[in-house]
């Protein structure tokens, strides 16, 4: 009887020691550095259970043993706390560290930069081509209602959410800047300010010129003169689908459209692009000048004029310079 009890004792002792050995081995595997040689990003799809997550990590060679990872997640009561998304896994990350990372939800932050001067159609094309965004676009605001800047997002975020953020950012920025506008501007509404800012945006890429260009257009509006802005004609021709990819023709300048400011007075019915903050600020706080005209100066900026005769001289100088450059280009030998 005593011998039987002793055998049972030794059996349980052996089982206990075996269990402890297995536990210690498993724990060592759980906390030791993993097999990942260098950092890598991996996506945990939405709705993934623990087994699916384990397979994803194994396939990406982030973990060596899915069983160790799964048991570790269950024993640490984290099996249902692991969040989907795109994660950056450092090299040699351990299963325990992986669980903490997936519990934190600290996914990879992506960035989307919308440059100034794009139309709504161009913004939509960029959103559709951006990897990591999902879903359709939804309802767009009027042209000009999306604020160009850099937006940060996570894998799986919706395009509708980005559009909403862009729309909200423009509404808030425009409202804040409108409250700080200069006195006496011939602009009655935020929408009119946005429309003029979009024209300023397309007329010059020189930051220092924007306030002066804005004042020229404001001067013309006050005098009842047509704006005669080439970018508005481009919008009339293309409908905002993208760049014209050719020079404007004399026929273009006569096209019957409320966007053609050579034939239509006042402002166009809506913006011709999404202007940046700098153009909005310049429009609402222009530099005082009595200039009514401007034309390219050949150096990347513009020559401004108060009178038509002065403007015509500037135009003639620009055409002469442009012709000289074309002649030089034709004479330049092409090196095969």
Protein backbone atom coordinates (compact mmCIF):
# COMPACT_ATOMS: atom_id res chain seq x y z
CA UNK A 1 0.00 0.00 0.00
CA UNK A 2 2.82 2.35 0.97
CA UNK A 3 4.68 1.48 -2.21
CA UNK A 4 1.59 2.27 -4.33
CA UNK A 5 1.16 5.64 -2.62
CA UNK A 6 4.83 6.39 -3.18
CA UNK A 7 4.55 5.54 -6.86
CA UNK A 8 1.54 7.83 -7.19
CA UNK A 9 3.46 10.59 -5.42
CA UNK A 10 6.42 10.23 -7.74
CA UNK A 11 4.09 10.16 -10.73
CA UNK A 12 2.42 13.42 -9.73
CA UNK A 13 5.80 14.89 -8.90
CA UNK A 14 7.10 13.96 -12.34
CA UNK A 15 3.98 15.38 -13.98
CA UNK A 16 4.30 18.56 -11.96
CA UNK A 17 7.95 18.96 -12.84
CA UNK A 18 7.16 18.30 -16.48
CA UNK A 19 4.39 20.91 -16.43
CA UNK A 20 6.71 23.42 -14.78
CA UNK A 21 9.40 22.68 -17.34
CA UNK A 22 6.95 23.11 -20.21
CA UNK A 23 5.62 26.33 -18.67
CA UNK A 24 9.10 27.73 -18.19
CA UNK A 25 10.06 26.76 -21.72
CA UNK A 26 6.88 28.33 -23.14
CA UNK A 27 7.36 31.48 -21.11
CA UNK A 28 10.93 31.76 -22.32
CA UNK A 29 9.70 31.47 -25.92
CA UNK A 30 7.00 34.03 -25.17
CA UNK A 31 9.37 36.74 -23.91
CA UNK A 32 12.48 36.00 -25.96
CA UNK A 33 13.33 38.05 -29.09
CA UNK A 34 11.44 36.91 -32.15
CA UNK A 35 12.79 35.83 -35.57
CA UNK A 36 12.16 39.11 -37.38
CA UNK A 37 15.46 40.24 -38.91
CA UNK A 38 14.42 43.82 -39.66
CA UNK A 39 11.37 45.96 -38.99
CA UNK A 40 8.38 45.37 -41.20
CA UNK A 41 4.80 46.55 -41.55
CA UNK A 42 1.97 44.06 -41.54
CA UNK A 43 -1.79 44.43 -41.68
CA UNK A 44 -4.15 42.70 -39.28
CA UNK A 45 -7.44 42.61 -41.21
CA UNK A 46 -10.62 43.71 -39.45
CA UNK A 47 -12.53 40.85 -37.87
CA UNK A 48 -9.44 38.66 -37.43
CA UNK A 49 -9.63 36.24 -34.53
CA UNK A 50 -6.65 35.05 -32.53
CA UNK A 51 -5.92 32.12 -34.84
CA UNK A 52 -6.06 34.34 -37.93
CA UNK A 53 -3.79 36.89 -36.30
CA UNK A 54 -1.31 34.14 -35.41
CA UNK A 55 -1.26 32.92 -39.02
CA UNK A 56 -0.75 36.46 -40.34
CA UNK A 57 2.19 37.00 -38.00
CA UNK A 58 3.72 33.65 -38.84
CA UNK A 59 3.43 34.24 -42.59
CA UNK A 60 5.20 37.59 -42.15
CA UNK A 61 7.93 35.77 -40.14
CA UNK A 62 7.22 38.01 -37.15
CA UNK A 63 6.67 35.03 -34.84
CA UNK A 64 8.20 31.56 -34.96
CA UNK A 65 5.53 29.58 -33.10
CA UNK A 66 1.83 30.47 -33.50
CA UNK A 67 0.92 28.14 -30.63
CA UNK A 68 3.16 29.97 -28.17
CA UNK A 69 1.68 33.30 -29.29
CA UNK A 70 -1.92 32.06 -29.03
CA UNK A 71 -1.45 30.46 -25.59
CA UNK A 72 0.38 33.54 -24.37
CA UNK A 73 -2.45 35.81 -25.55
CA UNK A 74 -5.07 33.64 -23.82
CA UNK A 75 -3.15 33.30 -20.56
CA UNK A 76 -2.56 37.06 -20.46
CA UNK A 77 -6.30 37.60 -21.11
CA UNK A 78 -5.56 39.66 -24.21
CA UNK A 79 -7.07 37.36 -26.85
CA UNK A 80 -10.09 39.62 -27.42
CA UNK A 81 -8.22 42.93 -27.00
CA UNK A 82 -6.04 42.71 -30.10
CA UNK A 83 -6.95 45.46 -32.58
CA UNK A 84 -6.93 45.33 -36.36
CA UNK A 85 -4.88 47.72 -38.45
CA UNK A 86 -1.49 48.30 -40.00
CA UNK A 87 1.39 47.99 -37.55
CA UNK A 88 5.13 48.55 -37.67
CA UNK A 89 6.85 45.57 -36.04
CA UNK A 90 10.43 46.25 -34.86
CA UNK A 91 13.12 43.66 -35.51
CA UNK A 92 13.35 40.82 -32.97
CA UNK A 93 10.05 41.82 -31.34
CA UNK A 94 8.90 39.16 -28.85
CA UNK A 95 5.41 37.61 -28.77
CA UNK A 96 4.70 39.42 -25.49
CA UNK A 97 5.68 42.76 -27.06
CA UNK A 98 3.53 41.98 -30.09
CA UNK A 99 0.51 41.48 -27.87
CA UNK A 100 1.14 44.81 -26.14
CA UNK A 101 1.48 46.52 -29.53
CA UNK A 102 -1.76 45.02 -30.88
CA UNK A 103 -3.57 45.92 -27.66
CA UNK A 104 -2.41 49.53 -27.89
CA UNK A 105 -3.90 50.10 -31.34
CA UNK A 106 -0.89 52.28 -32.26
CA UNK A 107 -1.16 51.71 -35.98
CA UNK A 108 1.07 53.12 -38.71
CA UNK A 109 0.26 56.75 -39.48
CA UNK A 110 0.06 57.46 -43.20
CA UNK A 111 0.07 60.90 -44.80
CA UNK A 112 -1.79 62.40 -47.72
CA UNK A 113 -0.70 65.79 -49.06
CA UNK A 114 -3.21 67.78 -51.09
CA UNK A 115 -1.38 70.63 -52.80
CA UNK A 116 -2.89 74.06 -53.31
CA UNK A 117 -4.76 74.78 -56.51
CA UNK A 118 -6.27 71.36 -57.26
CA UNK A 119 -9.90 71.15 -58.31
CA UNK A 120 -12.36 68.85 -56.59
CA UNK A 121 -12.06 66.40 -59.48
CA UNK A 122 -8.29 66.26 -59.08
CA UNK A 123 -8.59 65.77 -55.31
CA UNK A 124 -11.01 62.90 -55.89
CA UNK A 125 -8.58 61.26 -58.32
CA UNK A 126 -5.82 61.51 -55.74
CA UNK A 127 -8.00 60.03 -53.00
CA UNK A 128 -9.00 57.13 -55.20
CA UNK A 129 -5.34 56.43 -55.99
CA UNK A 130 -4.22 56.60 -52.35
CA UNK A 131 -3.39 53.17 -50.98
CA UNK A 132 -4.89 52.39 -47.60
CA UNK A 133 -8.10 54.41 -47.97
CA UNK A 134 -11.42 52.62 -48.41
CA UNK A 135 -14.93 53.29 -49.64
CA UNK A 136 -16.42 55.83 -52.00
CA UNK A 137 -16.13 59.61 -51.93
CA UNK A 138 -19.66 60.57 -50.99
CA UNK A 139 -21.05 64.06 -51.53
CA UNK A 140 -18.51 66.75 -52.34
CA UNK A 141 -18.81 70.39 -51.28
CA UNK A 142 -18.87 73.14 -53.88
CA UNK A 143 -15.65 73.72 -55.78
CA UNK A 144 -13.09 75.30 -53.46
CA UNK A 145 -14.53 73.79 -50.31
CA UNK A 146 -11.61 71.45 -49.51
CA UNK A 147 -8.59 72.78 -47.65
CA UNK A 148 -5.25 71.77 -49.19
CA UNK A 149 -2.78 70.54 -46.56
CA UNK A 150 -1.28 67.28 -45.25
CA UNK A 151 -3.75 64.86 -43.69
CA UNK A 152 -2.73 61.89 -41.56
CA UNK A 153 -4.70 58.65 -41.59
CA UNK A 154 -4.51 54.98 -40.75
CA UNK A 155 -4.90 52.01 -43.06
CA UNK A 156 -8.58 51.32 -43.61
CA UNK A 157 -9.81 54.87 -42.99
CA UNK A 158 -12.59 55.94 -45.33
CA UNK A 159 -12.33 58.45 -48.15
CA UNK A 160 -15.55 60.02 -46.93
CA UNK A 161 -13.89 60.71 -43.57
CA UNK A 162 -10.95 62.44 -45.28
CA UNK A 163 -13.32 64.55 -47.40
CA UNK A 164 -15.21 65.56 -44.26
CA UNK A 165 -11.98 66.57 -42.53
CA UNK A 166 -10.94 68.63 -45.56
CA UNK A 167 -14.36 70.30 -45.74
CA UNK A 168 -14.48 71.05 -42.01
CA UNK A 169 -10.93 72.43 -42.09
CA UNK A 170 -11.80 74.80 -44.94
CA UNK A 171 -15.00 76.00 -43.27
CA UNK A 172 -13.24 76.71 -39.99
CA UNK A 173 -10.18 78.34 -41.56
CA UNK A 174 -12.26 80.51 -43.89
CA UNK A 175 -14.54 81.60 -41.05
CA UNK A 176 -11.60 82.47 -38.79
CA UNK A 177 -9.80 84.43 -41.51
CA UNK A 178 -12.98 86.23 -42.60
CA UNK A 179 -13.33 87.59 -39.05
CA UNK A 180 -9.82 89.10 -39.39
CA UNK A 181 -10.28 90.56 -42.87
CA UNK A 182 -9.24 94.08 -43.79
CA UNK A 183 -11.92 96.76 -43.71
CA UNK A 184 -13.62 98.03 -46.83
CA UNK A 185 -13.18 94.99 -49.05
CA UNK A 186 -15.72 94.74 -51.91
CA UNK A 187 -16.52 91.17 -50.85
CA UNK A 188 -19.91 90.53 -49.27
CA UNK A 189 -19.66 86.88 -48.26
CA UNK A 190 -17.23 84.13 -47.35
CA UNK A 191 -18.11 82.46 -50.65
CA UNK A 192 -17.02 85.52 -52.63
CA UNK A 193 -13.75 85.58 -50.70
CA UNK A 194 -13.21 81.90 -51.48
CA UNK A 195 -13.89 82.44 -55.19
CA UNK A 196 -11.42 85.31 -55.44
CA UNK A 197 -8.83 83.41 -53.40
CA UNK A 198 -9.07 80.53 -55.87
CA UNK A 199 -8.29 82.92 -58.73
CA UNK A 200 -5.33 84.39 -56.82
CA UNK A 201 -4.11 80.84 -56.17
CA UNK A 202 -4.02 80.02 -59.87
CA UNK A 203 -2.66 83.38 -61.02
CA UNK A 204 0.67 83.29 -59.20
CA UNK A 205 2.92 80.83 -57.46
CA UNK A 206 5.06 83.60 -55.97
CA UNK A 207 4.12 83.92 -52.32
CA UNK A 208 5.07 87.58 -52.04
CA UNK A 209 2.90 88.52 -55.01
CA UNK A 210 -0.38 87.10 -53.77
CA UNK A 211 -1.51 90.11 -51.70
CA UNK A 212 -0.73 92.44 -54.60
CA UNK A 213 -2.47 90.25 -57.17
CA UNK A 214 -5.49 90.09 -54.87
CA UNK A 215 -5.62 93.89 -54.62
CA UNK A 216 -5.48 94.24 -58.41
CA UNK A 217 -8.59 92.08 -58.73
CA UNK A 218 -10.29 93.94 -55.87
CA UNK A 219 -9.52 97.23 -57.62
CA UNK A 220 -11.07 95.94 -60.83
CA UNK A 221 -14.17 94.73 -58.98
CA UNK A 222 -14.63 98.13 -57.36
CA UNK A 223 -14.36 99.87 -60.74
CA UNK A 224 -16.73 97.42 -62.43
CA UNK A 225 -13.97 96.13 -64.71
CA UNK A 226 -13.89 92.54 -65.86
CA UNK A 227 -11.27 90.45 -64.07
CA UNK A 228 -9.86 89.04 -67.33
CA UNK A 229 -8.16 86.17 -65.55
CA UNK A 230 -6.75 83.40 -67.75
CA UNK A 231 -7.22 80.66 -65.12
CA UNK A 232 -10.98 81.29 -65.10
CA UNK A 233 -11.00 80.65 -68.86
CA UNK A 234 -9.09 77.42 -68.34
CA UNK A 235 -11.76 76.32 -65.88
CA UNK A 236 -14.48 77.28 -68.36
CA UNK A 237 -12.81 75.10 -71.01
CA UNK A 238 -11.97 72.08 -68.87
CA UNK A 239 -14.83 72.16 -66.38
CA UNK A 240 -12.30 71.62 -63.62
CA UNK A 241 -11.34 68.12 -64.73
CA UNK A 242 -7.64 68.95 -64.86
CA UNK A 243 -5.01 71.13 -66.57
CA UNK A 244 -5.64 72.37 -70.09
CA UNK A 245 -2.28 71.02 -71.38
CA UNK A 246 -2.09 73.71 -74.07
CA UNK A 247 -2.02 77.47 -74.36
CA UNK A 248 -5.25 79.43 -74.36
CA UNK A 249 -6.41 80.51 -77.80
CA UNK A 250 -8.24 83.63 -78.94
CA UNK A 251 -11.32 81.43 -79.35
CA UNK A 252 -11.05 80.29 -75.74
CA UNK A 253 -11.10 83.89 -74.54
CA UNK A 254 -14.48 84.37 -76.25
CA UNK A 255 -16.16 81.23 -74.92
CA UNK A 256 -19.61 81.90 -73.47
CA UNK A 257 -19.35 80.84 -69.85
CA UNK A 258 -20.00 82.49 -66.49
CA UNK A 259 -16.47 81.34 -65.59
CA UNK A 260 -14.90 83.27 -68.47
CA UNK A 261 -14.04 86.58 -66.83
CA UNK A 262 -13.10 88.06 -70.21
CA UNK A 263 -16.78 88.06 -71.24
CA UNK A 264 -18.58 87.87 -67.87
CA UNK A 265 -18.44 90.62 -65.27
CA UNK A 266 -17.85 90.16 -61.56
CA UNK A 267 -16.76 86.94 -59.93
CA UNK A 268 -17.38 83.45 -61.35
CA UNK A 269 -20.35 81.57 -59.80
CA UNK A 270 -18.00 79.45 -57.68
CA UNK A 271 -14.31 78.85 -57.04
CA UNK A 272 -12.09 77.49 -59.81
CA UNK A 273 -9.88 75.41 -57.47
CA UNK A 274 -9.22 74.72 -53.81
CA UNK A 275 -7.05 77.62 -52.62
CA UNK A 276 -4.49 77.33 -49.85
CA UNK A 277 -4.46 79.37 -46.67
CA UNK A 278 -1.84 81.78 -48.06
CA UNK A 279 -4.09 82.79 -50.95
CA UNK A 280 -7.10 83.22 -48.67
CA UNK A 281 -5.07 85.38 -46.28
CA UNK A 282 -3.76 87.46 -49.21
CA UNK A 283 -7.28 87.96 -50.53
CA UNK A 284 -8.67 89.09 -47.19
CA UNK A 285 -5.63 91.20 -46.30
CA UNK A 286 -4.23 92.52 -49.59
CA UNK A 287 -1.36 94.94 -50.09
CA UNK A 288 -2.64 98.38 -51.02
CA UNK A 289 -1.85 99.29 -54.61
CA UNK A 290 -3.63 101.22 -57.34
CA UNK A 291 -2.47 98.78 -60.02
CA UNK A 292 -5.16 97.45 -62.35
CA UNK A 293 -3.10 95.16 -64.59
CA UNK A 294 -0.32 92.58 -64.42
CA UNK A 295 1.46 90.31 -66.87
CA UNK A 296 4.27 87.77 -66.63
CA UNK A 297 7.70 89.37 -66.35
CA UNK A 298 9.69 86.39 -67.62
CA UNK A 299 11.39 85.80 -64.28
CA UNK A 300 8.64 83.79 -62.62
CA UNK A 301 6.70 86.79 -61.36
CA UNK A 302 4.60 89.58 -62.81
CA UNK A 303 4.96 93.20 -63.92
CA UNK A 304 2.19 95.41 -62.50
CA UNK A 305 0.74 98.54 -64.08
CA UNK A 306 -1.69 101.33 -63.15
CA UNK A 307 -2.66 102.31 -66.68
CA UNK A 308 -3.51 100.43 -69.85
CA UNK A 309 -0.67 102.08 -71.78
CA UNK A 310 1.85 101.03 -69.14
CA UNK A 311 0.37 97.53 -69.18
CA UNK A 312 0.64 97.33 -72.96
CA UNK A 313 4.34 98.17 -72.72
CA UNK A 314 4.78 95.37 -70.19
CA UNK A 315 2.89 92.97 -72.47
CA UNK A 316 5.08 93.94 -75.42
CA UNK A 317 8.21 93.36 -73.35
CA UNK A 318 6.95 89.95 -72.26
CA UNK A 319 6.10 88.93 -75.84
CA UNK A 320 9.52 90.06 -77.04
CA UNK A 321 11.23 88.04 -74.32
CA UNK A 322 9.08 84.99 -75.05
CA UNK A 323 9.88 85.19 -78.77
CA UNK A 324 13.60 85.49 -78.01
CA UNK A 325 13.48 82.39 -75.83
CA UNK A 326 11.62 80.44 -78.53
CA UNK A 327 14.17 81.45 -81.16
CA UNK A 328 17.03 80.41 -78.88
CA UNK A 329 15.35 77.08 -78.19
CA UNK A 330 15.05 76.39 -81.93
CA UNK A 331 18.71 77.20 -82.45
CA UNK A 332 19.93 75.02 -79.60
CA UNK A 333 21.31 71.74 -81.07
CA UNK A 334 19.79 68.55 -79.81
CA UNK A 335 22.42 66.18 -78.42
CA UNK A 336 21.50 62.57 -79.30
